[in-house]
Amino acid sequence: DIPKSYRMTDINKNVFKPIIIELGSIFNNLTINKIKAKKGRKIEWIEFTFDAEKRIHNKRQPQMSKIDKSRQYVRREKTPKWLEERSYEKQPQKDYDPQLEKEREDFLKQLELNWE
C-alpha cells in the first residue's frame, strides 16, 4: 500500500523506478504510462506495458524464428555483370570513325598552340 501523503513524484521515485529496475529483466520493454483524467492533473489510472512473451507450440517454429532474424539483416543489391563474371570484358566500340579521330588530333594541336 502507498501512503496517502505521497505525492506523484514520491510515487515515481519510491515505487515505479524500483518496479522498472526489478521487473525490467523479466518483462521486455517494460514501461509505465500514467493516464490523466480529462480535467485537471489527476491521474485516472496507471498502465503497465511490455512486449509479449513468444511461446513455442511446435518443433518447427524455433527454426522459423531463427530464419526471420537472419533475414532481417540481409542486404540485397544488384551485382553488376562484370563483378559476377571475372572473365567478362568490356566490349570495344566497333564504330571507329577516322574523320572524328583526325578532328580530335587537330583540335589538340590547336589547343597546344593557343595554350602557349
Protein backbone atom coordinates (compact mmCIF):
# COMPACT_ATOMS: atom_id res chain seq x y z
CA ASP A 1 0.00 0.00 0.00
CA ILE A 2 1.13 3.51 -0.83
CA PRO A 3 0.67 6.13 1.91
CA LYS A 4 -1.88 8.89 1.20
CA SER A 5 0.74 11.54 1.97
CA TYR A 6 2.84 10.54 -1.09
CA ARG A 7 2.84 12.97 -4.00
CA MET A 8 3.22 11.71 -7.57
CA THR A 9 6.95 12.48 -7.59
CA ASP A 10 7.37 10.34 -4.46
CA ILE A 11 5.44 7.51 -6.10
CA ASN A 12 7.63 7.77 -9.19
CA LYS A 13 10.82 7.75 -7.12
CA ASN A 14 9.89 5.18 -4.46
CA VAL A 15 7.52 2.85 -6.31
CA PHE A 16 7.74 2.98 -10.11
CA LYS A 17 11.53 3.22 -10.54
CA PRO A 18 12.19 0.16 -8.32
CA ILE A 19 9.44 -1.71 -10.19
CA ILE A 20 11.08 -0.97 -13.54
CA ILE A 21 14.52 -1.93 -12.19
CA GLU A 22 13.36 -5.22 -10.66
CA LEU A 23 10.89 -6.35 -13.31
CA GLY A 24 12.73 -4.94 -16.33
CA SER A 25 14.82 -8.10 -16.59
CA ILE A 26 11.71 -10.30 -16.55
CA PHE A 27 9.44 -8.24 -18.83
CA ASN A 28 10.97 -6.95 -22.05
CA ASN A 29 10.47 -3.24 -22.78
CA LEU A 30 8.54 -2.54 -19.56
CA THR A 31 7.08 0.98 -19.41
CA ILE A 32 4.66 2.70 -17.06
CA ASN A 33 2.16 5.19 -18.51
CA LYS A 34 0.14 7.49 -16.32
CA ILE A 35 -3.23 8.23 -17.93
CA LYS A 36 -4.62 11.57 -16.79
CA ALA A 37 -8.29 12.44 -16.32
CA LYS A 38 -9.99 14.77 -18.79
CA LYS A 39 -9.96 17.69 -16.38
CA GLY A 40 -7.04 18.73 -14.21
CA ARG A 41 -3.83 16.90 -13.41
CA LYS A 42 -5.42 14.00 -11.58
CA ILE A 43 -4.17 10.61 -12.77
CA GLU A 44 -7.10 8.38 -13.60
CA TRP A 45 -5.19 5.09 -14.00
CA ILE A 46 -1.73 3.65 -14.48
CA GLU A 47 -0.92 1.44 -17.44
CA PHE A 48 1.92 -1.08 -17.50
CA THR A 49 3.06 -2.10 -21.00
CA PHE A 50 5.65 -4.67 -22.06
CA ASP A 51 6.46 -6.94 -25.00
CA ALA A 52 4.58 -10.23 -25.08
CA GLU A 53 6.46 -13.44 -24.47
CA LYS A 54 6.84 -15.59 -27.57
CA ARG A 55 5.53 -19.07 -26.94
CA ILE A 56 6.71 -22.04 -28.98
CA HIS A 57 3.98 -24.57 -29.80
CA ASN A 58 5.67 -26.95 -32.22
CA LYS A 59 9.13 -28.16 -33.16
CA ARG A 60 9.35 -26.22 -36.43
CA GLN A 61 8.62 -22.77 -35.00
CA PRO A 62 12.04 -22.26 -33.31
CA GLN A 63 13.75 -22.82 -36.66
CA MET A 64 11.47 -20.27 -38.32
CA SER A 65 12.21 -17.67 -35.65
CA LYS A 66 15.96 -18.05 -36.27
CA ILE A 67 15.46 -17.62 -40.02
CA ASP A 68 13.42 -14.45 -39.58
CA LYS A 69 16.15 -12.77 -37.53
CA SER A 70 18.88 -13.62 -40.04
CA ARG A 71 16.78 -12.39 -42.96
CA GLN A 72 16.18 -9.10 -41.26
CA TYR A 73 19.82 -8.04 -41.67
CA VAL A 74 20.39 -9.29 -45.24
CA ARG A 75 21.20 -6.51 -47.67
CA ARG A 76 20.17 -7.01 -51.24
CA GLU A 77 21.88 -5.16 -54.03
CA LYS A 78 22.06 -5.84 -57.71
CA THR A 79 25.57 -7.03 -58.53
CA PRO A 80 26.98 -5.73 -61.82
CA LYS A 81 27.73 -8.27 -64.51
CA TRP A 82 31.46 -7.51 -64.59
CA LEU A 83 31.79 -8.30 -60.89
CA GLU A 84 29.98 -11.64 -61.10
CA GLU A 85 31.96 -12.86 -64.12
CA ARG A 86 35.68 -12.23 -63.76
CA SER A 87 36.23 -13.21 -67.39
CA TYR A 88 33.79 -10.55 -68.56
CA GLU A 89 35.49 -7.93 -70.72
CA LYS A 90 34.08 -4.66 -71.81
CA GLN A 91 33.03 -4.76 -75.44
CA PRO A 92 35.16 -2.40 -77.55
CA GLN A 93 33.27 0.04 -79.66
CA LYS A 94 33.13 -1.10 -83.25
CA ASP A 95 32.24 2.31 -84.59
CA TYR A 96 35.66 3.72 -85.39
CA ASP A 97 35.41 6.99 -87.29
CA PRO A 98 38.71 8.11 -88.88
CA GLN A 99 37.29 11.56 -89.57
CA LEU A 100 36.44 12.07 -85.90
CA GLU A 101 39.91 10.90 -84.84
CA LYS A 102 41.58 13.33 -87.27
CA GLU A 103 39.44 16.23 -85.99
CA ARG A 104 40.33 15.31 -82.43
CA GLU A 105 44.06 15.37 -83.15
CA ASP A 106 43.75 18.72 -84.96
CA PHE A 107 41.84 20.16 -82.03
CA LEU A 108 44.52 19.01 -79.56
CA LYS A 109 47.28 20.57 -81.71
CA GLN A 110 45.35 23.83 -81.93
CA LEU A 111 44.81 23.78 -78.19
CA GLU A 112 48.54 23.32 -77.53
CA LEU A 113 49.41 26.23 -79.82
CA ASN A 114 46.85 28.55 -78.22
CA TRP A 115 47.83 27.46 -74.72
CA GLU A 116 51.33 28.92 -75.02
